[in-house]
Protein backbone atom coordinates (compact mmCIF):
# COMPACT_ATOMS: atom_id res chain seq x y z
CA MET A 1 0.00 0.00 0.00
CA GLY A 2 1.34 3.46 -0.88
CA ARG A 3 2.30 6.00 1.78
CA GLY A 4 -0.92 7.93 1.20
CA GLY A 5 -3.05 4.87 1.96
CA ASP A 6 -3.67 4.30 -1.74
CA ASP A 7 -3.10 0.66 -2.61
CA SER A 8 -3.10 1.48 -6.30
CA ALA A 9 0.38 2.98 -5.96
CA ARG A 10 2.50 2.41 -9.02
CA PRO A 11 5.11 -0.32 -8.76
CA VAL A 12 8.77 0.57 -8.45
CA GLU A 13 10.46 0.96 -11.80
CA VAL A 14 14.19 0.69 -12.48
CA ALA A 15 15.46 1.78 -15.89
CA VAL A 16 18.98 0.55 -16.63
CA ARG A 17 21.34 2.18 -19.10
CA ARG A 18 25.03 1.99 -19.84
CA SER A 19 27.37 4.95 -19.85
CA GLY A 20 30.79 3.69 -20.87
CA GLY A 21 31.72 1.01 -18.36
CA ALA A 22 29.21 2.32 -15.83
CA MET A 23 25.63 1.23 -15.26
CA VAL A 24 23.06 3.88 -14.37
CA LEU A 25 19.94 2.70 -12.55
CA ALA A 26 17.14 5.29 -12.62
CA VAL A 27 14.71 4.37 -9.86
CA ARG A 28 11.12 5.63 -9.66
CA GLY A 29 8.55 5.10 -6.91
CA GLU A 30 8.27 4.22 -3.23
CA LEU A 31 10.87 1.73 -2.01
CA ASP A 32 10.04 -0.36 1.04
CA LEU A 33 10.15 -3.97 2.20
CA ASP A 34 7.31 -4.90 -0.16
CA SER A 35 8.63 -3.10 -3.24
CA PHE A 36 12.45 -2.97 -3.34
CA GLU A 37 12.89 -6.18 -5.38
CA PRO A 38 13.33 -4.43 -8.78
CA LEU A 39 16.19 -2.37 -7.31
CA ARG A 40 17.76 -5.39 -5.62
CA ALA A 41 17.56 -7.38 -8.87
CA ALA A 42 19.14 -4.57 -10.91
CA LEU A 43 21.95 -4.16 -8.38
CA SER A 44 22.54 -7.93 -8.29
CA GLU A 45 22.79 -7.94 -12.08
CA ALA A 46 25.32 -5.10 -11.95
CA VAL A 47 27.40 -7.13 -9.47
CA ARG A 48 27.08 -10.23 -11.67
CA GLN A 49 28.27 -8.24 -14.69
CA ASP A 50 31.13 -6.79 -12.62
CA ALA A 51 30.22 -3.22 -13.59
CA SER A 52 33.11 -0.85 -13.03
CA LEU A 53 30.70 1.71 -11.53
CA VAL A 54 27.02 1.67 -10.61
CA VAL A 55 25.14 4.96 -10.27
CA VAL A 56 21.72 4.85 -8.63
CA ASP A 57 19.66 7.87 -9.72
CA MET A 58 17.20 8.46 -6.86
CA SER A 59 15.66 11.70 -8.14
CA GLN A 60 12.26 10.02 -8.61
CA VAL A 61 12.23 8.07 -5.32
CA THR A 62 9.46 9.50 -3.17
CA PHE A 63 9.97 7.20 -0.18
CA CYS A 64 12.48 4.62 1.03
CA ASP A 65 13.04 2.78 4.29
CA SER A 66 15.69 0.71 6.03
CA SER A 67 15.19 -2.22 3.66
CA THR A 68 16.31 0.03 0.80
CA MET A 69 19.34 1.15 2.77
CA ASN A 70 20.24 -2.50 3.41
CA VAL A 71 19.98 -3.28 -0.33
CA LEU A 72 22.28 -0.35 -1.15
CA LEU A 73 24.81 -1.26 1.55
CA ARG A 74 24.87 -4.89 0.42
CA ALA A 75 25.48 -3.83 -3.19
CA ASP A 76 28.25 -1.47 -2.06
CA ALA A 77 29.94 -4.34 -0.20
CA ASP A 78 29.50 -6.73 -3.15
CA LEU A 79 30.81 -4.23 -5.73
CA GLY A 80 33.78 -3.03 -3.71
CA PRO A 81 34.87 0.38 -2.43
CA GLY A 82 33.82 3.41 -4.43
CA ARG A 83 31.95 1.52 -7.15
CA LEU A 84 28.41 2.41 -6.01
CA ARG A 85 27.34 6.04 -6.16
CA ILE A 86 24.01 7.59 -5.24
CA ALA A 87 22.96 10.47 -7.50
CA ALA A 88 20.34 13.21 -7.52
CA PRO A 89 18.56 12.16 -4.34
CA SER A 90 15.03 13.43 -3.90
CA PRO A 91 14.57 15.68 -0.86
CA PHE A 92 13.14 12.73 1.12
CA VAL A 93 16.11 10.48 0.28
CA ALA A 94 18.67 13.20 1.04
CA ARG A 95 17.04 13.90 4.40
CA LEU A 96 16.87 10.21 5.33
CA PHE A 97 20.53 9.63 4.38
CA GLY A 98 21.45 12.63 6.53
CA LEU A 99 19.39 11.48 9.52
CA VAL A 100 20.96 8.02 9.62
CA GLY A 101 24.45 9.08 8.52
CA LEU A 102 24.39 6.89 5.42
CA GLN A 103 26.04 9.60 3.33
CA MET A 104 29.23 8.86 5.28
CA VAL A 105 29.32 5.41 3.64
CA LEU A 106 27.52 6.20 0.38
CA PRO A 107 28.21 9.84 -0.47
CA LEU A 108 25.45 11.63 -2.34
CA ARG A 109 26.19 13.28 -5.69
CA ASP A 110 23.98 16.14 -6.88
CA THR A 111 23.62 14.83 -10.43
CA VAL A 112 24.10 11.65 -12.42
CA GLU A 113 26.79 13.43 -14.42
CA GLU A 114 28.69 14.27 -11.23
CA ALA A 115 28.39 10.64 -10.10
CA LEU A 116 29.75 9.44 -13.45
CA ALA A 117 32.71 11.84 -13.36
CA GLY A 118 35.93 9.89 -13.15
CA SER A 119 34.26 6.58 -14.00
CA GLU A 120 36.77 6.02 -16.81
CA ASP A 121 39.46 5.76 -14.11
CA LEU A 122 37.64 2.75 -12.61
CA ALA A 123 37.54 0.67 -15.79
């Protein structure tokens, strides 16, 4: 059920694109325990493909909870240091990361382009 009590909330969507050796995952929707699977699957595929860099564009994420943070932290550990970057967080995501201190582990980038900067050095 969506945050507003509307159980017709749209499912989470993850659009995947390549940018050089990097994978960009554009996420849309409300991420919680019942809906994070598309993000987890896309991150698992990035790990399986040994992507040099994975950028998660969270500009269209209207809600996320601790299950989403766990998925991101697991992907960061599986990919290796510095290979997962969070870009363009929505105001909700930026505030949540700040409240729990997650930006100390997964620094937030203002834009996807900023997150991709230097990705050629990781290839």
